[in-house]
Amino acid sequence: MSLLHPRSLERQLILRLAALFLGATALAVVALFYQTYTVAESLSEQNLIERAQALARAVDDGAAGSTLALPSELAAAYQAPLGTSLFAVRDRNGDVIAASDAAIRAFAAAQPPADPEPKFFRLR
């Protein structure tokens, strides 16, 4: 008797239920991974928005022009090794006020003027 062609009704039922269970489990795992990825991406974007707002609050629009005065906790976060946290702040004219390093300053200066809506991108 072959396992793929069982003769008894009980074995046929067991094989069909096992196949159904495996299929449903695979779909549930895929859905869980997709949901986890979506939530992680959303939290990442929200974290970026919060950091951008903190940087915006640290900009001082003085008579001599705009300057960035980072509070100590923000400065410490952006001085992490390996450049894991980078920033560039531009004024309304698109000029770079401050950046985390010279390469980011050059990158930001070469970008087109900002839109009213935030845009996210990843450096590779």
PDB file of N, CA and C in Angstrom:
ATOM      1  N   MET A   1       0.841  -1.169   0.000  1.00  0.00           N
ATOM      2  CA  MET A   1       0.000   0.000   0.000  1.00  0.00           C
ATOM      3  C   MET A   1       0.893   1.242   0.000  1.00  0.00           C
ATOM      4  N   SER A   2       0.594   2.194  -0.843  1.00  0.00           N
ATOM      5  CA  SER A   2       1.376   3.417  -0.981  1.00  0.00           C
ATOM      6  C   SER A   2       0.822   4.489  -0.044  1.00  0.00           C
ATOM      7  N   LEU A   3       1.738   5.338   0.443  1.00  0.00           N
ATOM      8  CA  LEU A   3       1.310   6.409   1.343  1.00  0.00           C
ATOM      9  C   LEU A   3       0.520   7.475   0.591  1.00  0.00           C
ATOM     10  N   LEU A   4       0.857   7.664  -0.691  1.00  0.00           N
ATOM     11  CA  LEU A   4       0.146   8.669  -1.474  1.00  0.00           C
ATOM     12  C   LEU A   4      -1.226   8.202  -1.937  1.00  0.00           C
ATOM     13  N   HIS A   5      -1.424   6.909  -1.978  1.00  0.00           N
ATOM     14  CA  HIS A   5      -2.720   6.358  -2.385  1.00  0.00           C
ATOM     15  C   HIS A   5      -3.240   5.424  -1.300  1.00  0.00           C
ATOM     16  N   PRO A   6      -3.614   6.005  -0.152  1.00  0.00           N
ATOM     17  CA  PRO A   6      -4.079   5.149   0.939  1.00  0.00           C
ATOM     18  C   PRO A   6      -5.441   4.542   0.605  1.00  0.00           C
ATOM     19  N   ARG A   7      -5.649   3.352   1.090  1.00  0.00           N
ATOM     20  CA  ARG A   7      -6.897   2.644   0.790  1.00  0.00           C
ATOM     21  C   ARG A   7      -7.990   2.953   1.818  1.00  0.00           C
ATOM     22  N   SER A   8      -7.590   3.263   3.030  1.00  0.00           N
ATOM     23  CA  SER A   8      -8.614   3.479   4.046  1.00  0.00           C
ATOM     24  C   SER A   8      -9.083   4.931   4.035  1.00  0.00           C
ATOM     25  N   LEU A   9     -10.307   5.134   4.399  1.00  0.00           N
ATOM     26  CA  LEU A   9     -10.876   6.478   4.468  1.00  0.00           C
ATOM     27  C   LEU A   9     -10.222   7.306   5.569  1.00  0.00           C
ATOM     28  N   GLU A  10      -9.834   6.663   6.647  1.00  0.00           N
ATOM     29  CA  GLU A  10      -9.178   7.379   7.744  1.00  0.00           C
ATOM     30  C   GLU A  10      -7.857   7.983   7.286  1.00  0.00           C
ATOM     31  N   ARG A  11      -7.070   7.219   6.557  1.00  0.00           N
ATOM     32  CA  ARG A  11      -5.783   7.739   6.070  1.00  0.00           C
ATOM     33  C   ARG A  11      -5.990   8.849   5.063  1.00  0.00           C
ATOM     34  N   GLN A  12      -6.970   8.713   4.207  1.00  0.00           N
ATOM     35  CA  GLN A  12      -7.258   9.777   3.248  1.00  0.00           C
ATOM     36  C   GLN A  12      -7.640  11.065   3.980  1.00  0.00           C
ATOM     37  N   LEU A  13      -8.455  10.941   4.996  1.00  0.00           N
ATOM     38  CA  LEU A  13      -8.876  12.098   5.787  1.00  0.00           C
ATOM     39  C   LEU A  13      -7.680  12.714   6.514  1.00  0.00           C
ATOM     40  N   ILE A  14      -6.833  11.891   7.083  1.00  0.00           N
ATOM     41  CA  ILE A  14      -5.652  12.393   7.794  1.00  0.00           C
ATOM     42  C   ILE A  14      -4.731  13.141   6.838  1.00  0.00           C
ATOM     43  N   LEU A  15      -4.495  12.597   5.661  1.00  0.00           N
ATOM     44  CA  LEU A  15      -3.621  13.266   4.692  1.00  0.00           C
ATOM     45  C   LEU A  15      -4.210  14.594   4.214  1.00  0.00           C
ATOM     46  N   ARG A  16      -5.501  14.597   3.966  1.00  0.00           N
ATOM     47  CA  ARG A  16      -6.143  15.846   3.524  1.00  0.00           C
ATOM     48  C   ARG A  16      -6.123  16.908   4.621  1.00  0.00           C
ATOM     49  N   LEU A  17      -6.401  16.502   5.841  1.00  0.00           N
ATOM     50  CA  LEU A  17      -6.360  17.455   6.953  1.00  0.00           C
ATOM     51  C   LEU A  17      -4.943  17.955   7.205  1.00  0.00           C
ATOM     52  N   ALA A  18      -3.952  17.075   7.081  1.00  0.00           N
ATOM     53  CA  ALA A  18      -2.556  17.489   7.257  1.00  0.00           C
ATOM     54  C   ALA A  18      -2.159  18.497   6.186  1.00  0.00           C
ATOM     55  N   ALA A  19      -2.570  18.245   4.939  1.00  0.00           N
ATOM     56  CA  ALA A  19      -2.257  19.180   3.854  1.00  0.00           C
ATOM     57  C   ALA A  19      -2.940  20.528   4.095  1.00  0.00           C
ATOM     58  N   LEU A  20      -4.186  20.478   4.522  1.00  0.00           N
ATOM     59  CA  LEU A  20      -4.912  21.713   4.821  1.00  0.00           C
ATOM     60  C   LEU A  20      -4.257  22.471   5.971  1.00  0.00           C
ATOM     61  N   PHE A  21      -3.870  21.764   7.020  1.00  0.00           N
ATOM     62  CA  PHE A  21      -3.216  22.379   8.172  1.00  0.00           C
ATOM     63  C   PHE A  21      -1.879  23.009   7.770  1.00  0.00           C
ATOM     64  N   LEU A  22      -1.084  22.306   6.983  1.00  0.00           N
ATOM     65  CA  LEU A  22       0.204  22.854   6.539  1.00  0.00           C
ATOM     66  C   LEU A  22       0.021  24.097   5.666  1.00  0.00           C
ATOM     67  N   GLY A  23      -0.962  24.057   4.787  1.00  0.00           N
ATOM     68  CA  GLY A  23      -1.247  25.219   3.940  1.00  0.00           C
ATOM     69  C   GLY A  23      -1.694  26.422   4.755  1.00  0.00           C
ATOM     70  N   ALA A  24      -2.595  26.192   5.703  1.00  0.00           N
ATOM     71  CA  ALA A  24      -3.080  27.277   6.555  1.00  0.00           C
ATOM     72  C   ALA A  24      -1.961  27.827   7.428  1.00  0.00           C
ATOM     73  N   THR A  25      -1.109  26.949   7.929  1.00  0.00           N
ATOM     74  CA  THR A  25       0.019  27.391   8.748  1.00  0.00           C
ATOM     75  C   THR A  25       0.989  28.235   7.922  1.00  0.00           C
ATOM     76  N   ALA A  26       1.275  27.807   6.705  1.00  0.00           N
ATOM     77  CA  ALA A  26       2.177  28.571   5.834  1.00  0.00           C
ATOM     78  C   ALA A  26       1.603  29.955   5.535  1.00  0.00           C
ATOM     79  N   LEU A  27       0.314  30.034   5.254  1.00  0.00           N
ATOM     80  CA  LEU A  27      -0.322  31.336   5.012  1.00  0.00           C
ATOM     81  C   LEU A  27      -0.259  32.223   6.257  1.00  0.00           C
ATOM     82  N   ALA A  28      -0.492  31.644   7.422  1.00  0.00           N
ATOM     83  CA  ALA A  28      -0.439  32.422   8.657  1.00  0.00           C
ATOM     84  C   ALA A  28       0.967  32.952   8.917  1.00  0.00           C
ATOM     85  N   VAL A  29       1.978  32.137   8.656  1.00  0.00           N
ATOM     86  CA  VAL A  29       3.365  32.576   8.860  1.00  0.00           C
ATOM     87  C   VAL A  29       3.709  33.708   7.898  1.00  0.00           C
ATOM     88  N   VAL A  30       3.324  33.581   6.639  1.00  0.00           N
ATOM     89  CA  VAL A  30       3.583  34.642   5.656  1.00  0.00           C
ATOM     90  C   VAL A  30       2.881  35.936   6.079  1.00  0.00           C
ATOM     91  N   ALA A  31       1.626  35.829   6.509  1.00  0.00           N
ATOM     92  CA  ALA A  31       0.885  37.017   6.949  1.00  0.00           C
ATOM     93  C   ALA A  31       1.546  37.658   8.162  1.00  0.00           C
ATOM     94  N   LEU A  32       2.028  36.849   9.089  1.00  0.00           N
ATOM     95  CA  LEU A  32       2.692  37.367  10.280  1.00  0.00           C
ATOM     96  C   LEU A  32       3.983  38.102   9.923  1.00  0.00           C
ATOM     97  N   PHE A  33       4.792  37.526   9.042  1.00  0.00           N
ATOM     98  CA  PHE A  33       6.019  38.190   8.611  1.00  0.00           C
ATOM     99  C   PHE A  33       5.719  39.504   7.893  1.00  0.00           C
ATOM    100  N   TYR A  34       4.711  39.511   7.033  1.00  0.00           N
ATOM    101  CA  TYR A  34       4.350  40.734   6.322  1.00  0.00           C
ATOM    102  C   TYR A  34       3.908  41.811   7.304  1.00  0.00           C
ATOM    103  N   GLN A  35       3.082  41.437   8.268  1.00  0.00           N
ATOM    104  CA  GLN A  35       2.593  42.399   9.255  1.00  0.00           C
ATOM    105  C   GLN A  35       3.748  42.933  10.106  1.00  0.00           C
ATOM    106  N   THR A  36       4.660  42.068  10.487  1.00  0.00           N
ATOM    107  CA  THR A  36       5.816  42.486  11.272  1.00  0.00           C
ATOM    108  C   THR A  36       6.667  43.480  10.496  1.00  0.00           C
ATOM    109  N   TYR A  37       6.903  43.200   9.230  1.00  0.00           N
ATOM    110  CA  TYR A  37       7.695  44.100   8.385  1.00  0.00           C
ATOM    111  C   TYR A  37       6.999  45.449   8.244  1.00  0.00           C
ATOM    112  N   THR A  38       5.695  45.442   8.035  1.00  0.00           N
ATOM    113  CA  THR A  38       4.935  46.688   7.874  1.00  0.00           C
ATOM    114  C   THR A  38       4.989  47.535   9.145  1.00  0.00           C
ATOM    115  N   VAL A  39       4.825  46.912  10.294  1.00  0.00           N
ATOM    116  CA  VAL A  39       4.871  47.640  11.564  1.00  0.00           C
ATOM    117  C   VAL A  39       6.274  48.197  11.803  1.00  0.00           C
ATOM    118  N   ALA A  40       7.300  47.407  11.524  1.00  0.00           N
ATOM    119  CA  ALA A  40       8.677  47.873  11.711  1.00  0.00           C
ATOM    120  C   ALA A  40       8.976  49.062  10.804  1.00  0.00           C
ATOM    121  N   GLU A  41       8.518  49.023   9.575  1.00  0.00           N
ATOM    122  CA  GLU A  41       8.726  50.129   8.640  1.00  0.00           C
ATOM    123  C   GLU A  41       8.000  51.385   9.117  1.00  0.00           C
ATOM    124  N   SER A  42       6.782  51.219   9.615  1.00  0.00           N
ATOM    125  CA  SER A  42       6.010  52.346  10.130  1.00  0.00           C
ATOM    126  C   SER A  42       6.696  52.976  11.338  1.00  0.00           C
ATOM    127  N   LEU A  43       7.193  52.144  12.259  1.00  0.00           N
ATOM    128  CA  LEU A  43       7.898  52.669  13.429  1.00  0.00           C
ATOM    129  C   LEU A  43       9.179  53.381  13.027  1.00  0.00           C
ATOM    130  N   SER A  44       9.850  52.869  12.014  1.00  0.00           N
ATOM    131  CA  SER A  44      11.074  53.492  11.531  1.00  0.00           C
ATOM    132  C   SER A  44      10.777  54.886  10.972  1.00  0.00           C
ATOM    133  N   GLU A  45       9.712  54.996  10.183  1.00  0.00           N
ATOM    134  CA  GLU A  45       9.338  56.297   9.625  1.00  0.00           C
ATOM    135  C   GLU A  45       8.910  57.259  10.729  1.00  0.00           C
ATOM    136  N   GLN A  46       8.188  56.770  11.712  1.00  0.00           N
ATOM    137  CA  GLN A  46       7.758  57.618  12.820  1.00  0.00           C
ATOM    138  C   GLN A  46       8.970  58.111  13.607  1.00  0.00           C
ATOM    139  N   ASN A  47       9.961  57.248  13.802  1.00  0.00           N
ATOM    140  CA  ASN A  47      11.188  57.640  14.486  1.00  0.00           C
ATOM    141  C   ASN A  47      11.907  58.725  13.693  1.00  0.00           C
ATOM    142  N   LEU A  48      11.942  58.592  12.369  1.00  0.00           N
ATOM    143  CA  LEU A  48      12.578  59.614  11.538  1.00  0.00           C
ATOM    144  C   LEU A  48      11.852  60.957  11.644  1.00  0.00           C
ATOM    145  N   ILE A  49      10.533  60.903  11.671  1.00  0.00           N
ATOM    146  CA  ILE A  49       9.756  62.147  11.795  1.00  0.00           C
ATOM    147  C   ILE A  49      10.039  62.816  13.136  1.00  0.00           C
ATOM    148  N   GLU A  50      10.087  62.033  14.207  1.00  0.00           N
ATOM    149  CA  GLU A  50      10.379  62.595  15.535  1.00  0.00           C
ATOM    150  C   GLU A  50      11.774  63.211  15.571  1.00  0.00           C
ATOM    151  N   ARG A  51      12.747  62.555  14.945  1.00  0.00           N
ATOM    152  CA  ARG A  51      14.105  63.109  14.909  1.00  0.00           C
ATOM    153  C   ARG A  51      14.147  64.391  14.076  1.00  0.00           C
ATOM    154  N   ALA A  52      13.431  64.405  12.962  1.00  0.00           N
ATOM    155  CA  ALA A  52      13.394  65.605  12.126  1.00  0.00           C
ATOM    156  C   ALA A  52      12.757  66.773  12.881  1.00  0.00           C
ATOM    157  N   GLN A  53      11.696  66.498  13.636  1.00  0.00           N
ATOM    158  CA  GLN A  53      11.059  67.554  14.421  1.00  0.00           C
ATOM    159  C   GLN A  53      11.992  68.055  15.518  1.00  0.00           C
ATOM    160  N   ALA A  54      12.750  67.156  16.139  1.00  0.00           N
ATOM    161  CA  ALA A  54      13.709  67.573  17.173  1.00  0.00           C
ATOM    162  C   ALA A  54      14.805  68.446  16.555  1.00  0.00           C
ATOM    163  N   LEU A  55      15.274  68.092  15.369  1.00  0.00           N
ATOM    164  CA  LEU A  55      16.274  68.919  14.689  1.00  0.00           C
ATOM    165  C   LEU A  55      15.688  70.276  14.313  1.00  0.00           C
ATOM    166  N   ALA A  56      14.442  70.279  13.848  1.00  0.00           N
ATOM    167  CA  ALA A  56      13.797  71.547  13.473  1.00  0.00           C
ATOM    168  C   ALA A  56      13.654  72.469  14.680  1.00  0.00           C
ATOM    169  N   ARG A  57      13.348  71.893  15.852  1.00  0.00           N
ATOM    170  CA  ARG A  57      13.240  72.720  17.066  1.00  0.00           C
ATOM    171  C   ARG A  57      14.598  73.285  17.481  1.00  0.00           C
ATOM    172  N   ALA A  58      15.681  72.634  17.063  1.00  0.00           N
ATOM    173  CA  ALA A  58      17.018  73.094  17.443  1.00  0.00           C
ATOM    174  C   ALA A  58      17.566  74.169  16.504  1.00  0.00           C
ATOM    175  N   VAL A  59      16.815  74.506  15.442  1.00  0.00           N
ATOM    176  CA  VAL A  59      17.254  75.545  14.509  1.00  0.00           C
ATOM    177  C   VAL A  59      16.894  76.911  15.084  1.00  0.00           C
ATOM    178  N   ASP A  60      17.865  77.807  15.064  1.00  0.00           N
ATOM    179  CA  ASP A  60      17.665  79.173  15.547  1.00  0.00           C
ATOM    180  C   ASP A  60      17.742  80.116  14.351  1.00  0.00           C
ATOM    181  N   ASP A  61      16.631  80.780  14.054  1.00  0.00           N
ATOM    182  CA  ASP A  61      16.594  81.746  12.959  1.00  0.00           C
ATOM    183  C   ASP A  61      16.971  83.116  13.499  1.00  0.00           C
ATOM    184  N   GLY A  62      18.260  83.416  13.485  1.00  0.00           N
ATOM    185  CA  GLY A  62      18.741  84.696  13.975  1.00  0.00           C
ATOM    186  C   GLY A  62      18.865  85.719  12.859  1.00  0.00           C
ATOM    187  N   ALA A  63      19.260  86.916  13.226  1.00  0.00           N
ATOM    188  CA  ALA A  63      19.414  87.991  12.245  1.00  0.00           C
ATOM    189  C   ALA A  63      20.541  87.688  11.256  1.00  0.00           C
ATOM    190  N   ALA A  64      21.557  86.978  11.707  1.00  0.00           N
ATOM    191  CA  ALA A  64      22.697  86.664  10.843  1.00  0.00           C
ATOM    192  C   ALA A  64      22.451  85.413  10.007  1.00  0.00           C
ATOM    193  N   GLY A  65      21.304  84.782  10.151  1.00  0.00           N
ATOM    194  CA  GLY A  65      21.001  83.560   9.413  1.00  0.00           C
ATOM    195  C   GLY A  65      20.645  82.438  10.364  1.00  0.00           C
ATOM    196  N   SER A  66      20.285  81.340   9.796  1.00  0.00           N
ATOM    197  CA  SER A  66      19.868  80.192  10.594  1.00  0.00           C
ATOM    198  C   SER A  66      21.085  79.406  11.060  1.00  0.00           C
ATOM    199  N   THR A  67      21.005  78.935  12.313  1.00  0.00           N
ATOM    200  CA  THR A  67      22.052  78.087  12.872  1.00  0.00           C
ATOM    201  C   THR A  67      21.392  76.928  13.593  1.00  0.00           C
ATOM    202  N   LEU A  68      22.166  75.882  13.793  1.00  0.00           N
ATOM    203  CA  LEU A  68      21.666  74.715  14.493  1.00  0.00           C
ATOM    204  C   LEU A  68      22.400  74.589  15.819  1.00  0.00           C
ATOM    205  N   ALA A  69      21.642  74.585  16.910  1.00  0.00           N
ATOM    206  CA  ALA A  69      22.213  74.412  18.246  1.00  0.00           C
ATOM    207  C   ALA A  69      21.654  73.119  18.822  1.00  0.00           C
ATOM    208  N   LEU A  70      22.377  72.024  18.602  1.00  0.00           N
ATOM    209  CA  LEU A  70      21.903  70.716  19.070  1.00  0.00           C
ATOM    210  C   LEU A  70      22.003  70.598  20.585  1.00  0.00           C
ATOM    211  N   PRO A  71      20.923  70.180  21.245  1.00  0.00           N
ATOM    212  CA  PRO A  71      21.028  69.859  22.665  1.00  0.00           C
ATOM    213  C   PRO A  71      21.984  68.680  22.839  1.00  0.00           C
ATOM    214  N   SER A  72      22.526  68.531  24.031  1.00  0.00           N
ATOM    215  CA  SER A  72      23.558  67.510  24.267  1.00  0.00           C
ATOM    216  C   SER A  72      23.069  66.096  23.972  1.00  0.00           C
ATOM    217  N   GLU A  73      21.799  65.780  24.289  1.00  0.00           N
ATOM    218  CA  GLU A  73      21.312  64.428  24.023  1.00  0.00           C
ATOM    219  C   GLU A  73      21.213  64.148  22.523  1.00  0.00           C
ATOM    220  N   LEU A  74      20.833  65.168  21.745  1.00  0.00           N
ATOM    221  CA  LEU A  74      20.796  64.989  20.294  1.00  0.00           C
ATOM    222  C   LEU A  74      22.202  64.893  19.715  1.00  0.00           C
ATOM    223  N   ALA A  75      23.088  65.722  20.196  1.00  0.00           N
ATOM    224  CA  ALA A  75      24.467  65.693  19.708  1.00  0.00           C
ATOM    225  C   ALA A  75      25.097  64.327  19.980  1.00  0.00           C
ATOM    226  N   ALA A  76      24.834  63.767  21.142  1.00  0.00           N
ATOM    227  CA  ALA A  76      25.385  62.453  21.472  1.00  0.00           C
ATOM    228  C   ALA A  76      24.821  61.374  20.549  1.00  0.00           C
ATOM    229  N   ALA A  77      23.546  61.474  20.213  1.00  0.00           N
ATOM    230  CA  ALA A  77      22.924  60.480  19.335  1.00  0.00           C
ATOM    231  C   ALA A  77      23.525  60.518  17.936  1.00  0.00           C
ATOM    232  N   TYR A  78      23.876  61.708  17.475  1.00  0.00           N
ATOM    233  CA  TYR A  78      24.423  61.839  16.117  1.00  0.00           C
ATOM    234  C   TYR A  78      25.933  61.668  16.060  1.00  0.00           C
ATOM    235  N   GLN A  79      26.589  61.490  17.183  1.00  0.00           N
ATOM    236  CA  GLN A  79      28.026  61.248  17.192  1.00  0.00           C
ATOM    237  C   GLN A  79      28.343  59.771  17.354  1.00  0.00           C
ATOM    238  N   ALA A  80      27.358  58.912  17.123  1.00  0.00           N
ATOM    239  CA  ALA A  80      27.563  57.469  17.257  1.00  0.00           C
ATOM    240  C   ALA A  80      28.553  56.989  16.197  1.00  0.00           C
ATOM    241  N   PRO A  81      29.305  55.946  16.489  1.00  0.00           N
ATOM    242  CA  PRO A  81      30.264  55.434  15.509  1.00  0.00           C
ATOM    243  C   PRO A  81      29.571  54.811  14.303  1.00  0.00           C
ATOM    244  N   LEU A  82      30.300  54.684  13.238  1.00  0.00           N
ATOM    245  CA  LEU A  82      29.851  54.053  11.995  1.00  0.00           C
ATOM    246  C   LEU A  82      28.779  54.842  11.264  1.00  0.00           C
ATOM    247  N   GLY A  83      28.513  56.061  11.644  1.00  0.00           N
ATOM    248  CA  GLY A  83      27.544  56.882  10.924  1.00  0.00           C
ATOM    249  C   GLY A  83      26.154  56.283  10.875  1.00  0.00           C
ATOM    250  N   THR A  84      25.709  55.700  11.966  1.00  0.00           N
ATOM    251  CA  THR A  84      24.380  55.090  11.969  1.00  0.00           C
ATOM    252  C   THR A  84      23.271  56.124  12.009  1.00  0.00           C
ATOM    253  N   SER A  85      23.538  57.304  12.527  1.00  0.00           N
ATOM    254  CA  SER A  85      22.555  58.385  12.559  1.00  0.00           C
ATOM    255  C   SER A  85      23.145  59.586  11.846  1.00  0.00           C
ATOM    256  N   LEU A  86      22.518  59.957  10.757  1.00  0.00           N
ATOM    257  CA  LEU A  86      23.004  61.068   9.933  1.00  0.00           C
ATOM    258  C   LEU A  86      21.900  62.104   9.801  1.00  0.00           C
ATOM    259  N   PHE A  87      22.302  63.355   9.575  1.00  0.00           N
ATOM    260  CA  PHE A  87      21.307  64.386   9.346  1.00  0.00           C
ATOM    261  C   PHE A  87      21.897  65.503   8.491  1.00  0.00           C
ATOM    262  N   ALA A  88      21.005  66.235   7.871  1.00  0.00           N
ATOM    263  CA  ALA A  88      21.336  67.476   7.184  1.00  0.00           C
ATOM    264  C   ALA A  88      20.129  68.387   7.344  1.00  0.00           C
ATOM    265  N   VAL A  89      20.387  69.639   7.677  1.00  0.00           N
ATOM    266  CA  VAL A  89      19.316  70.615   7.869  1.00  0.00           C
ATOM    267  C   VAL A  89      19.517  71.719   6.846  1.00  0.00           C
ATOM    268  N   ARG A  90      18.450  71.993   6.091  1.00  0.00           N
ATOM    269  CA  ARG A  90      18.501  73.046   5.081  1.00  0.00           C
ATOM    270  C   ARG A  90      17.514  74.143   5.436  1.00  0.00           C
ATOM    271  N   ASP A  91      17.829  75.376   5.011  1.00  0.00           N
ATOM    272  CA  ASP A  91      16.904  76.478   5.267  1.00  0.00           C
ATOM    273  C   ASP A  91      15.863  76.550   4.152  1.00  0.00           C
ATOM    274  N   ARG A  92      15.034  77.567   4.210  1.00  0.00           N
ATOM    275  CA  ARG A  92      13.959  77.700   3.224  1.00  0.00           C
ATOM    276  C   ARG A  92      14.490  77.863   1.801  1.00  0.00           C
ATOM    277  N   ASN A  93      15.695  78.389   1.653  1.00  0.00           N
ATOM    278  CA  ASN A  93      16.286  78.590   0.331  1.00  0.00           C
ATOM    279  C   ASN A  93      16.977  77.340  -0.189  1.00  0.00           C
ATOM    280  N   GLY A  94      17.076  76.313   0.634  1.00  0.00           N
ATOM    281  CA  GLY A  94      17.736  75.081   0.235  1.00  0.00           C
ATOM    282  C   GLY A  94      19.204  75.019   0.603  1.00  0.00           C
ATOM    283  N   ASP A  95      19.716  76.068   1.259  1.00  0.00           N
ATOM    284  CA  ASP A  95      21.116  76.064   1.689  1.00  0.00           C
ATOM    285  C   ASP A  95      21.267  75.189   2.926  1.00  0.00           C
ATOM    286  N   VAL A  96      22.370  74.460   2.992  1.00  0.00           N
ATOM    287  CA  VAL A  96      22.618  73.570   4.123  1.00  0.00           C
ATOM    288  C   VAL A  96      23.076  74.391   5.323  1.00  0.00           C
ATOM    289  N   ILE A  97      22.321  74.293   6.420  1.00  0.00           N
ATOM    290  CA  ILE A  97      22.666  74.985   7.663  1.00  0.00           C
ATOM    291  C   ILE A  97      23.686  74.173   8.438  1.00  0.00           C
ATOM    292  N   ALA A  98      23.410  72.867   8.564  1.00  0.00           N
ATOM    293  CA  ALA A  98      24.291  71.978   9.326  1.00  0.00           C
ATOM    294  C   ALA A  98      24.090  70.557   8.817  1.00  0.00           C
ATOM    295  N   ALA A  99      25.114  69.746   9.029  1.00  0.00           N
ATOM    296  CA  ALA A  99      25.041  68.335   8.645  1.00  0.00           C
ATOM    297  C   ALA A  99      25.912  67.526   9.593  1.00  0.00           C
ATOM    298  N   SER A 100      25.633  66.235   9.647  1.00  0.00           N
ATOM    299  CA  SER A 100      26.384  65.384  10.562  1.00  0.00           C
ATOM    300  C   SER A 100      27.831  65.197  10.128  1.00  0.00           C
ATOM    301  N   ASP A 101      28.103  65.283   8.830  1.00  0.00           N
ATOM    302  CA  ASP A 101      29.493  65.244   8.350  1.00  0.00           C
ATOM    303  C   ASP A 101      29.567  65.875   6.963  1.00  0.00           C
ATOM    304  N   ALA A 102      30.775  66.020   6.453  1.00  0.00           N
ATOM    305  CA  ALA A 102      30.985  66.720   5.180  1.00  0.00           C
ATOM    306  C   ALA A 102      30.350  65.990   4.002  1.00  0.00           C
ATOM    307  N   ALA A 103      30.391  64.663   3.997  1.00  0.00           N
ATOM    308  CA  ALA A 103      29.803  63.912   2.884  1.00  0.00           C
ATOM    309  C   ALA A 103      28.295  64.101   2.831  1.00  0.00           C
ATOM    310  N   ILE A 104      27.649  64.117   3.985  1.00  0.00           N
ATOM    311  CA  ILE A 104      26.203  64.332   4.034  1.00  0.00           C
ATOM    312  C   ILE A 104      25.876  65.769   3.650  1.00  0.00           C
ATOM    313  N   ARG A 105      26.714  66.718   4.047  1.00  0.00           N
ATOM    314  CA  ARG A 105      26.520  68.111   3.646  1.00  0.00           C
ATOM    315  C   ARG A 105      26.554  68.235   2.121  1.00  0.00           C
ATOM    316  N   ALA A 106      27.522  67.597   1.489  1.00  0.00           N
ATOM    317  CA  ALA A 106      27.632  67.647   0.022  1.00  0.00           C
ATOM    318  C   ALA A 106      26.435  66.954  -0.630  1.00  0.00           C
ATOM    319  N   PHE A 107      26.023  65.829  -0.069  1.00  0.00           N
ATOM    320  CA  PHE A 107      24.865  65.114  -0.610  1.00  0.00           C
ATOM    321  C   PHE A 107      23.609  65.972  -0.527  1.00  0.00           C
ATOM    322  N   ALA A 108      23.373  66.588   0.620  1.00  0.00           N
ATOM    323  CA  ALA A 108      22.172  67.408   0.812  1.00  0.00           C
ATOM    324  C   ALA A 108      22.192  68.644  -0.074  1.00  0.00           C
ATOM    325  N   ALA A 109      23.371  69.239  -0.262  1.00  0.00           N
ATOM    326  CA  ALA A 109      23.471  70.440  -1.097  1.00  0.00           C
ATOM    327  C   ALA A 109      23.151  70.129  -2.557  1.00  0.00           C
ATOM    328  N   ALA A 110      23.378  68.901  -2.978  1.00  0.00           N
ATOM    329  CA  ALA A 110      23.133  68.528  -4.366  1.00  0.00           C
ATOM    330  C   ALA A 110      21.684  68.136  -4.634  1.00  0.00           C
ATOM    331  N   GLN A 111      20.864  68.039  -3.601  1.00  0.00           N
ATOM    332  CA  GLN A 111      19.474  67.620  -3.758  1.00  0.00           C
ATOM    333  C   GLN A 111      18.592  68.792  -4.171  1.00  0.00           C
ATOM    334  N   PRO A 112      17.488  68.509  -4.885  1.00  0.00           N
ATOM    335  CA  PRO A 112      16.561  69.589  -5.261  1.00  0.00           C
ATOM    336  C   PRO A 112      15.872  70.157  -4.019  1.00  0.00           C
ATOM    337  N   PRO A 113      15.236  71.312  -4.157  1.00  0.00           N
ATOM    338  CA  PRO A 113      14.532  71.912  -3.019  1.00  0.00           C
ATOM    339  C   PRO A 113      13.493  70.949  -2.445  1.00  0.00           C
ATOM    340  N   ALA A 114      13.259  71.085  -1.169  1.00  0.00           N
ATOM    341  CA  ALA A 114      12.338  70.188  -0.464  1.00  0.00           C
ATOM    342  C   ALA A 114      10.891  70.466  -0.842  1.00  0.00           C
ATOM    343  N   ASP A 115      10.095  69.425  -0.783  1.00  0.00           N
ATOM    344  CA  ASP A 115       8.649  69.526  -0.967  1.00  0.00           C
ATOM    345  C   ASP A 115       7.998  69.712   0.398  1.00  0.00           C
ATOM    346  N   PRO A 116       6.737  70.144   0.424  1.00  0.00           N
ATOM    347  CA  PRO A 116       6.047  70.273   1.713  1.00  0.00           C
ATOM    348  C   PRO A 116       5.877  68.922   2.427  1.00  0.00           C
ATOM    349  N   GLU A 117       5.779  67.837   1.687  1.00  0.00           N
ATOM    350  CA  GLU A 117       5.601  66.517   2.276  1.00  0.00           C
ATOM    351  C   GLU A 117       6.961  65.871   2.516  1.00  0.00           C
ATOM    352  N   PRO A 118       7.118  65.169   3.646  1.00  0.00           N
ATOM    353  CA  PRO A 118       8.401  64.498   3.902  1.00  0.00           C
ATOM    354  C   PRO A 118       8.608  63.334   2.937  1.00  0.00           C
ATOM    355  N   LYS A 119       9.867  63.145   2.567  1.00  0.00           N
ATOM    356  CA  LYS A 119      10.245  62.014   1.715  1.00  0.00           C
ATOM    357  C   LYS A 119      11.344  61.261   2.426  1.00  0.00           C
ATOM    358  N   PHE A 120      11.226  59.937   2.434  1.00  0.00           N
ATOM    359  CA  PHE A 120      12.208  59.109   3.091  1.00  0.00           C
ATOM    360  C   PHE A 120      13.038  58.399   2.055  1.00  0.00           C
ATOM    361  N   PHE A 121      14.305  58.219   2.368  1.00  0.00           N
ATOM    362  CA  PHE A 121      15.181  57.472   1.481  1.00  0.00           C
ATOM    363  C   PHE A 121      16.207  56.757   2.353  1.00  0.00           C
ATOM    364  N   ARG A 122      16.852  55.790   1.780  1.00  0.00           N
ATOM    365  CA  ARG A 122      17.852  55.019   2.504  1.00  0.00           C
ATOM    366  C   ARG A 122      19.182  55.132   1.769  1.00  0.00           C
ATOM    367  N   LEU A 123      20.233  55.319   2.535  1.00  0.00           N
ATOM    368  CA  LEU A 123      21.577  55.332   1.967  1.00  0.00           C
ATOM    369  C   LEU A 123      22.100  53.907   1.985  1.00  0.00           C
ATOM    370  N   ARG A 124      22.694  53.500   0.916  1.00  0.00           N
ATOM    371  CA  ARG A 124      23.227  52.126   0.858  1.00  0.00           C
ATOM    372  C   ARG A 124      24.732  52.156   0.800  1.00  0.00           C
TER     373      ARG A 124
END
